[in-house]
Amino acid sequence: MIREIVHDPMFLAMKSEPATADDLGTAADLLDTLTANKDTCVGMAANMIGVLKRIIVFDNDGEYMTMFNPEIIKCGKPYNTSEGCLSLIGEPRPVKRFGSIKVRWQNEKFETRIKTFTGHPAQIIQHEIDHCAGVLI
């Protein structure tokens, strides 16, 4: 189900709780909402649809991917860039990101996975993990 996008910075600044198998419906709604906004958005975190759970969905080089309880366990070289956000009104804002990241997360079966991401997918993941931590750009 496509959900309304949250724009309240006070809500978005709240930290998300760990996701469980009970949150599979939220993940499906999050993916539906991302797909509906694909022209202006490449990734979303559950708090963007009003759910404080550590779930992200994103465009991984043309294929959508869902992560439950993602965490960055290793970072590569930092760089400066700018990003916009579907939840935040205004122009893109400057941020520091890492060119490569190693991420540990759980898939839809809550099996732990670890993978290194680079380039644009790495940047998107960092932005969405920041959302889970209540960090706004």
N, C-alpha and C. Protein backbone atom coordinates (compact mmCIF):
# COMPACT_ATOMS: atom_id res chain seq x y z
N MET A 1 0.84 -1.18 0.00
CA MET A 1 0.00 0.00 0.00
C MET A 1 0.89 1.25 0.00
N ILE A 2 0.56 2.19 -0.86
CA ILE A 2 1.30 3.45 -0.92
C ILE A 2 0.91 4.29 0.28
N ARG A 3 1.92 4.75 1.01
CA ARG A 3 1.68 5.54 2.23
C ARG A 3 2.07 7.00 2.00
N GLU A 4 1.51 7.87 2.83
CA GLU A 4 1.82 9.30 2.79
C GLU A 4 3.24 9.53 3.32
N ILE A 5 3.94 10.48 2.72
CA ILE A 5 5.30 10.82 3.13
C ILE A 5 5.25 11.75 4.34
N VAL A 6 6.04 11.44 5.36
CA VAL A 6 6.13 12.27 6.57
C VAL A 6 7.13 13.40 6.30
N HIS A 7 6.73 14.63 6.67
CA HIS A 7 7.60 15.80 6.51
C HIS A 7 7.96 16.45 7.84
N ASP A 8 7.46 15.93 8.94
CA ASP A 8 7.68 16.51 10.27
C ASP A 8 9.11 16.24 10.74
N PRO A 9 9.97 17.28 10.81
CA PRO A 9 11.37 17.05 11.21
C PRO A 9 11.51 16.53 12.63
N MET A 10 10.58 16.84 13.52
CA MET A 10 10.66 16.32 14.89
C MET A 10 10.46 14.81 14.90
N PHE A 11 9.52 14.31 14.11
CA PHE A 11 9.30 12.86 14.01
C PHE A 11 10.49 12.21 13.32
N LEU A 12 10.95 12.80 12.22
CA LEU A 12 12.06 12.22 11.46
C LEU A 12 13.36 12.19 12.27
N ALA A 13 13.48 13.03 13.28
CA ALA A 13 14.69 13.07 14.11
C ALA A 13 14.67 12.01 15.22
N MET A 14 13.58 11.26 15.33
CA MET A 14 13.51 10.20 16.35
C MET A 14 14.23 8.94 15.85
N LYS A 15 14.92 8.25 16.76
CA LYS A 15 15.62 7.02 16.40
C LYS A 15 14.63 5.89 16.22
N SER A 16 14.91 5.04 15.24
CA SER A 16 14.05 3.89 14.95
C SER A 16 14.44 2.69 15.80
N GLU A 17 13.46 1.83 16.06
CA GLU A 17 13.65 0.60 16.82
C GLU A 17 14.01 -0.53 15.86
N PRO A 18 14.64 -1.60 16.37
CA PRO A 18 14.94 -2.75 15.50
C PRO A 18 13.66 -3.33 14.88
N ALA A 19 13.80 -3.76 13.64
CA ALA A 19 12.69 -4.39 12.93
C ALA A 19 12.65 -5.88 13.26
N THR A 20 11.44 -6.44 13.19
CA THR A 20 11.24 -7.88 13.41
C THR A 20 10.39 -8.42 12.26
N ALA A 21 10.14 -9.72 12.28
CA ALA A 21 9.30 -10.34 11.25
C ALA A 21 7.89 -9.74 11.24
N ASP A 22 7.45 -9.17 12.34
CA ASP A 22 6.15 -8.50 12.39
C ASP A 22 6.09 -7.27 11.50
N ASP A 23 7.25 -6.81 11.03
CA ASP A 23 7.33 -5.58 10.24
C ASP A 23 7.41 -5.83 8.73
N LEU A 24 7.18 -7.05 8.28
CA LEU A 24 7.23 -7.36 6.85
C LEU A 24 6.21 -6.53 6.07
N GLY A 25 5.04 -6.28 6.64
CA GLY A 25 4.02 -5.46 5.99
C GLY A 25 4.48 -4.03 5.80
N THR A 26 5.19 -3.50 6.79
CA THR A 26 5.74 -2.15 6.67
C THR A 26 6.75 -2.10 5.53
N ALA A 27 7.59 -3.13 5.42
CA ALA A 27 8.57 -3.17 4.34
C ALA A 27 7.89 -3.19 2.97
N ALA A 28 6.80 -3.93 2.86
CA ALA A 28 6.05 -3.97 1.60
C ALA A 28 5.46 -2.61 1.28
N ASP A 29 4.89 -1.94 2.28
CA ASP A 29 4.35 -0.58 2.08
C ASP A 29 5.46 0.38 1.68
N LEU A 30 6.61 0.24 2.29
CA LEU A 30 7.74 1.12 2.00
C LEU A 30 8.17 0.95 0.55
N LEU A 31 8.25 -0.29 0.09
CA LEU A 31 8.63 -0.56 -1.30
C LEU A 31 7.56 -0.02 -2.26
N ASP A 32 6.28 -0.21 -1.94
CA ASP A 32 5.21 0.35 -2.77
C ASP A 32 5.31 1.87 -2.86
N THR A 33 5.62 2.50 -1.74
CA THR A 33 5.71 3.96 -1.70
C THR A 33 6.93 4.45 -2.48
N LEU A 34 8.05 3.74 -2.37
CA LEU A 34 9.23 4.10 -3.15
C LEU A 34 8.94 3.97 -4.64
N THR A 35 8.33 2.86 -5.02
CA THR A 35 8.00 2.64 -6.43
C THR A 35 7.08 3.74 -6.96
N ALA A 36 6.13 4.17 -6.16
CA ALA A 36 5.21 5.24 -6.56
C ALA A 36 5.92 6.58 -6.72
N ASN A 37 7.07 6.74 -6.05
CA ASN A 37 7.82 8.00 -6.09
C ASN A 37 9.14 7.85 -6.84
N LYS A 38 9.25 6.83 -7.69
CA LYS A 38 10.53 6.51 -8.34
C LYS A 38 11.08 7.63 -9.21
N ASP A 39 10.23 8.55 -9.66
CA ASP A 39 10.73 9.66 -10.49
C ASP A 39 11.50 10.69 -9.69
N THR A 40 11.28 10.73 -8.36
CA THR A 40 11.93 11.74 -7.54
C THR A 40 12.67 11.17 -6.33
N CYS A 41 12.71 9.84 -6.21
CA CYS A 41 13.28 9.24 -5.01
C CYS A 41 13.97 7.91 -5.35
N VAL A 42 15.14 7.67 -4.75
CA VAL A 42 15.90 6.43 -5.00
C VAL A 42 16.02 5.55 -3.77
N GLY A 43 15.55 6.04 -2.63
CA GLY A 43 15.61 5.25 -1.41
C GLY A 43 14.70 5.83 -0.35
N MET A 44 14.27 4.96 0.58
CA MET A 44 13.41 5.40 1.66
C MET A 44 13.70 4.59 2.91
N ALA A 45 13.45 5.22 4.06
CA ALA A 45 13.49 4.54 5.35
C ALA A 45 12.08 4.54 5.92
N ALA A 46 11.80 3.59 6.79
CA ALA A 46 10.43 3.41 7.31
C ALA A 46 9.89 4.65 8.02
N ASN A 47 10.76 5.45 8.64
CA ASN A 47 10.24 6.64 9.31
C ASN A 47 9.64 7.64 8.33
N MET A 48 10.02 7.54 7.07
CA MET A 48 9.48 8.44 6.05
C MET A 48 8.01 8.15 5.77
N ILE A 49 7.52 6.96 6.19
CA ILE A 49 6.10 6.65 6.06
C ILE A 49 5.44 6.51 7.43
N GLY A 50 6.12 7.06 8.45
CA GLY A 50 5.52 7.13 9.78
C GLY A 50 5.74 5.94 10.69
N VAL A 51 6.71 5.08 10.36
CA VAL A 51 6.98 3.89 11.17
C VAL A 51 8.43 3.94 11.67
N LEU A 52 8.61 3.94 12.96
CA LEU A 52 9.95 4.04 13.55
C LEU A 52 10.58 2.65 13.71
N LYS A 53 10.89 2.05 12.57
CA LYS A 53 11.56 0.74 12.52
C LYS A 53 12.75 0.84 11.59
N ARG A 54 13.79 0.05 11.87
CA ARG A 54 15.02 0.10 11.07
C ARG A 54 14.85 -0.75 9.80
N ILE A 55 14.16 -0.15 8.83
CA ILE A 55 13.93 -0.79 7.53
C ILE A 55 14.24 0.25 6.46
N ILE A 56 15.01 -0.15 5.45
CA ILE A 56 15.26 0.73 4.31
C ILE A 56 15.01 -0.03 3.01
N VAL A 57 14.63 0.71 1.99
CA VAL A 57 14.51 0.18 0.64
C VAL A 57 15.21 1.17 -0.28
N PHE A 58 15.84 0.65 -1.35
CA PHE A 58 16.59 1.54 -2.23
C PHE A 58 16.82 0.90 -3.58
N ASP A 59 17.18 1.75 -4.53
CA ASP A 59 17.52 1.32 -5.87
C ASP A 59 18.99 0.90 -5.87
N ASN A 60 19.22 -0.38 -6.04
CA ASN A 60 20.57 -0.94 -6.07
C ASN A 60 20.94 -1.20 -7.54
N ASP A 61 21.33 -0.14 -8.23
CA ASP A 61 21.70 -0.23 -9.65
C ASP A 61 20.60 -0.86 -10.50
N GLY A 62 19.36 -0.37 -10.33
CA GLY A 62 18.26 -0.82 -11.17
C GLY A 62 17.37 -1.89 -10.57
N GLU A 63 17.74 -2.42 -9.42
CA GLU A 63 16.92 -3.43 -8.75
C GLU A 63 16.66 -2.99 -7.31
N TYR A 64 15.40 -2.99 -6.90
CA TYR A 64 15.08 -2.56 -5.54
C TYR A 64 15.54 -3.61 -4.53
N MET A 65 16.03 -3.11 -3.41
CA MET A 65 16.54 -3.98 -2.35
C MET A 65 15.98 -3.50 -1.02
N THR A 66 15.66 -4.45 -0.14
CA THR A 66 15.14 -4.15 1.19
C THR A 66 16.14 -4.65 2.22
N MET A 67 16.40 -3.82 3.23
CA MET A 67 17.28 -4.21 4.34
C MET A 67 16.56 -3.98 5.66
N PHE A 68 16.62 -4.98 6.51
CA PHE A 68 16.12 -4.86 7.87
C PHE A 68 17.32 -4.72 8.79
N ASN A 69 17.27 -3.75 9.68
CA ASN A 69 18.32 -3.52 10.69
C ASN A 69 19.71 -3.36 10.09
N PRO A 70 19.84 -2.52 9.05
CA PRO A 70 21.16 -2.34 8.43
C PRO A 70 22.10 -1.56 9.34
N GLU A 71 23.37 -1.93 9.26
CA GLU A 71 24.41 -1.18 9.97
C GLU A 71 25.69 -1.20 9.15
N ILE A 72 26.34 -0.06 9.12
CA ILE A 72 27.61 0.06 8.41
C ILE A 72 28.71 -0.43 9.35
N ILE A 73 29.49 -1.41 8.88
CA ILE A 73 30.54 -1.98 9.72
C ILE A 73 31.94 -1.60 9.25
N LYS A 74 32.05 -0.99 8.06
CA LYS A 74 33.35 -0.52 7.58
C LYS A 74 33.12 0.54 6.52
N CYS A 75 33.94 1.60 6.56
CA CYS A 75 33.82 2.71 5.61
C CYS A 75 35.10 2.88 4.82
N GLY A 76 34.95 3.27 3.56
CA GLY A 76 36.09 3.60 2.72
C GLY A 76 36.42 5.08 2.83
N LYS A 77 36.96 5.62 1.76
CA LYS A 77 37.41 7.01 1.73
C LYS A 77 36.22 7.97 1.70
N PRO A 78 36.25 9.03 2.55
CA PRO A 78 35.15 10.00 2.57
C PRO A 78 35.23 10.97 1.39
N TYR A 79 34.08 11.53 1.04
CA TYR A 79 34.00 12.58 0.04
C TYR A 79 32.82 13.49 0.38
N ASN A 80 32.85 14.69 -0.15
CA ASN A 80 31.77 15.65 0.07
C ASN A 80 30.84 15.66 -1.15
N THR A 81 29.56 15.74 -0.88
CA THR A 81 28.55 15.78 -1.94
C THR A 81 27.35 16.56 -1.43
N SER A 82 26.26 16.55 -2.18
CA SER A 82 25.02 17.16 -1.70
C SER A 82 23.88 16.21 -2.03
N GLU A 83 22.84 16.25 -1.18
CA GLU A 83 21.70 15.35 -1.33
C GLU A 83 20.40 16.09 -1.03
N GLY A 84 19.36 15.63 -1.69
CA GLY A 84 18.02 16.06 -1.38
C GLY A 84 17.31 14.92 -0.68
N CYS A 85 16.07 15.18 -0.24
CA CYS A 85 15.31 14.16 0.47
C CYS A 85 13.83 14.40 0.23
N LEU A 86 13.10 13.35 -0.08
CA LEU A 86 11.67 13.44 -0.31
C LEU A 86 10.92 13.97 0.91
N SER A 87 11.46 13.71 2.10
CA SER A 87 10.81 14.16 3.34
C SER A 87 11.12 15.61 3.70
N LEU A 88 12.17 16.16 3.12
CA LEU A 88 12.61 17.50 3.50
C LEU A 88 12.41 18.47 2.34
N ILE A 89 11.84 19.60 2.65
CA ILE A 89 11.58 20.62 1.65
C ILE A 89 12.83 21.47 1.48
N GLY A 90 13.11 21.85 0.25
CA GLY A 90 14.25 22.73 0.00
C GLY A 90 15.26 22.11 -0.94
N GLU A 91 16.32 22.85 -1.12
CA GLU A 91 17.39 22.46 -2.04
C GLU A 91 18.25 21.36 -1.43
N PRO A 92 19.02 20.66 -2.27
CA PRO A 92 19.97 19.68 -1.74
C PRO A 92 20.92 20.32 -0.74
N ARG A 93 21.33 19.53 0.23
CA ARG A 93 22.20 20.01 1.31
C ARG A 93 23.54 19.28 1.26
N PRO A 94 24.62 19.96 1.69
CA PRO A 94 25.94 19.32 1.68
C PRO A 94 26.05 18.24 2.75
N VAL A 95 26.69 17.13 2.40
CA VAL A 95 26.91 16.02 3.33
C VAL A 95 28.26 15.36 3.03
N LYS A 96 28.78 14.64 4.02
CA LYS A 96 29.98 13.82 3.82
C LYS A 96 29.53 12.37 3.72
N ARG A 97 29.99 11.67 2.71
CA ARG A 97 29.69 10.26 2.52
C ARG A 97 30.99 9.49 2.28
N PHE A 98 30.87 8.19 2.22
CA PHE A 98 32.02 7.32 1.98
C PHE A 98 31.84 6.60 0.65
N GLY A 99 32.92 6.48 -0.12
CA GLY A 99 32.85 5.88 -1.45
C GLY A 99 32.50 4.41 -1.44
N SER A 100 32.86 3.74 -0.37
CA SER A 100 32.48 2.34 -0.22
C SER A 100 32.13 2.08 1.24
N ILE A 101 31.18 1.17 1.44
CA ILE A 101 30.78 0.80 2.80
C ILE A 101 30.52 -0.70 2.84
N LYS A 102 30.85 -1.30 3.96
CA LYS A 102 30.48 -2.70 4.20
C LYS A 102 29.28 -2.66 5.14
N VAL A 103 28.21 -3.34 4.74
CA VAL A 103 26.95 -3.28 5.47
C VAL A 103 26.56 -4.68 5.94
N ARG A 104 26.08 -4.74 7.19
CA ARG A 104 25.48 -5.96 7.73
C ARG A 104 23.99 -5.67 7.91
N TRP A 105 23.14 -6.57 7.42
CA TRP A 105 21.69 -6.39 7.54
C TRP A 105 21.02 -7.75 7.55
N GLN A 106 19.71 -7.72 7.68
CA GLN A 106 18.93 -8.94 7.59
C GLN A 106 18.00 -8.83 6.39
N ASN A 107 17.81 -9.97 5.71
CA ASN A 107 16.90 -10.00 4.57
C ASN A 107 15.48 -10.27 5.06
N GLU A 108 14.56 -10.52 4.13
CA GLU A 108 13.15 -10.73 4.47
C GLU A 108 12.91 -11.98 5.31
N LYS A 109 13.87 -12.91 5.30
CA LYS A 109 13.77 -14.12 6.14
C LYS A 109 14.53 -13.92 7.45
N PHE A 110 15.03 -12.72 7.65
CA PHE A 110 15.81 -12.33 8.83
C PHE A 110 17.10 -13.14 8.96
N GLU A 111 17.66 -13.45 7.79
CA GLU A 111 18.99 -14.06 7.71
C GLU A 111 19.99 -12.91 7.58
N THR A 112 21.09 -13.00 8.30
CA THR A 112 22.11 -11.95 8.27
C THR A 112 22.91 -12.03 6.97
N ARG A 113 23.12 -10.88 6.38
CA ARG A 113 23.90 -10.73 5.16
C ARG A 113 24.94 -9.65 5.37
N ILE A 114 26.06 -9.77 4.67
CA ILE A 114 27.12 -8.75 4.69
C ILE A 114 27.58 -8.56 3.26
N LYS A 115 27.70 -7.29 2.85
CA LYS A 115 28.13 -6.99 1.49
C LYS A 115 28.77 -5.61 1.46
N THR A 116 29.72 -5.42 0.56
CA THR A 116 30.32 -4.12 0.33
C THR A 116 29.61 -3.46 -0.85
N PHE A 117 29.21 -2.21 -0.66
CA PHE A 117 28.56 -1.41 -1.69
C PHE A 117 29.45 -0.23 -2.03
N THR A 118 29.42 0.19 -3.29
CA THR A 118 30.20 1.33 -3.74
C THR A 118 29.31 2.26 -4.57
N GLY A 119 29.83 3.46 -4.83
CA GLY A 119 29.15 4.39 -5.72
C GLY A 119 27.80 4.85 -5.19
N HIS A 120 26.86 5.02 -6.13
CA HIS A 120 25.56 5.58 -5.79
C HIS A 120 24.78 4.72 -4.79
N PRO A 121 24.74 3.38 -4.96
CA PRO A 121 24.04 2.58 -3.93
C PRO A 121 24.61 2.80 -2.53
N ALA A 122 25.93 2.93 -2.41
CA ALA A 122 26.54 3.18 -1.10
C ALA A 122 26.06 4.51 -0.52
N GLN A 123 25.97 5.52 -1.37
CA GLN A 123 25.51 6.83 -0.91
C GLN A 123 24.06 6.76 -0.45
N ILE A 124 23.21 6.07 -1.21
CA ILE A 124 21.80 5.96 -0.85
C ILE A 124 21.65 5.24 0.50
N ILE A 125 22.37 4.13 0.66
CA ILE A 125 22.30 3.36 1.91
C ILE A 125 22.69 4.22 3.09
N GLN A 126 23.76 5.00 2.96
CA GLN A 126 24.19 5.87 4.05
C GLN A 126 23.10 6.88 4.41
N HIS A 127 22.46 7.45 3.41
CA HIS A 127 21.39 8.43 3.65
C HIS A 127 20.24 7.77 4.41
N GLU A 128 19.85 6.56 3.99
CA GLU A 128 18.71 5.89 4.63
C GLU A 128 19.05 5.39 6.02
N ILE A 129 20.26 4.91 6.23
CA ILE A 129 20.68 4.51 7.58
C ILE A 129 20.69 5.73 8.50
N ASP A 130 21.10 6.87 7.99
CA ASP A 130 21.01 8.10 8.78
C ASP A 130 19.57 8.36 9.21
N HIS A 131 18.62 8.16 8.31
CA HIS A 131 17.20 8.31 8.67
C HIS A 131 16.86 7.41 9.86
N CYS A 132 17.31 6.18 9.83
CA CYS A 132 17.00 5.23 10.93
C CYS A 132 17.56 5.72 12.27
N ALA A 133 18.66 6.46 12.19
CA ALA A 133 19.28 6.99 13.40
C ALA A 133 18.73 8.36 13.79
N GLY A 134 17.78 8.87 13.02
CA GLY A 134 17.21 10.18 13.32
C GLY A 134 18.07 11.33 12.84
N VAL A 135 19.02 11.05 11.95
CA VAL A 135 19.92 12.07 11.42
C VAL A 135 19.34 12.61 10.12
N LEU A 136 19.12 13.92 10.08
CA LEU A 136 18.60 14.58 8.88
C LEU A 136 19.73 15.34 8.20
N ILE A 137 19.68 15.37 6.87
CA ILE A 137 20.72 16.12 6.15
C ILE A 137 20.45 17.60 6.27
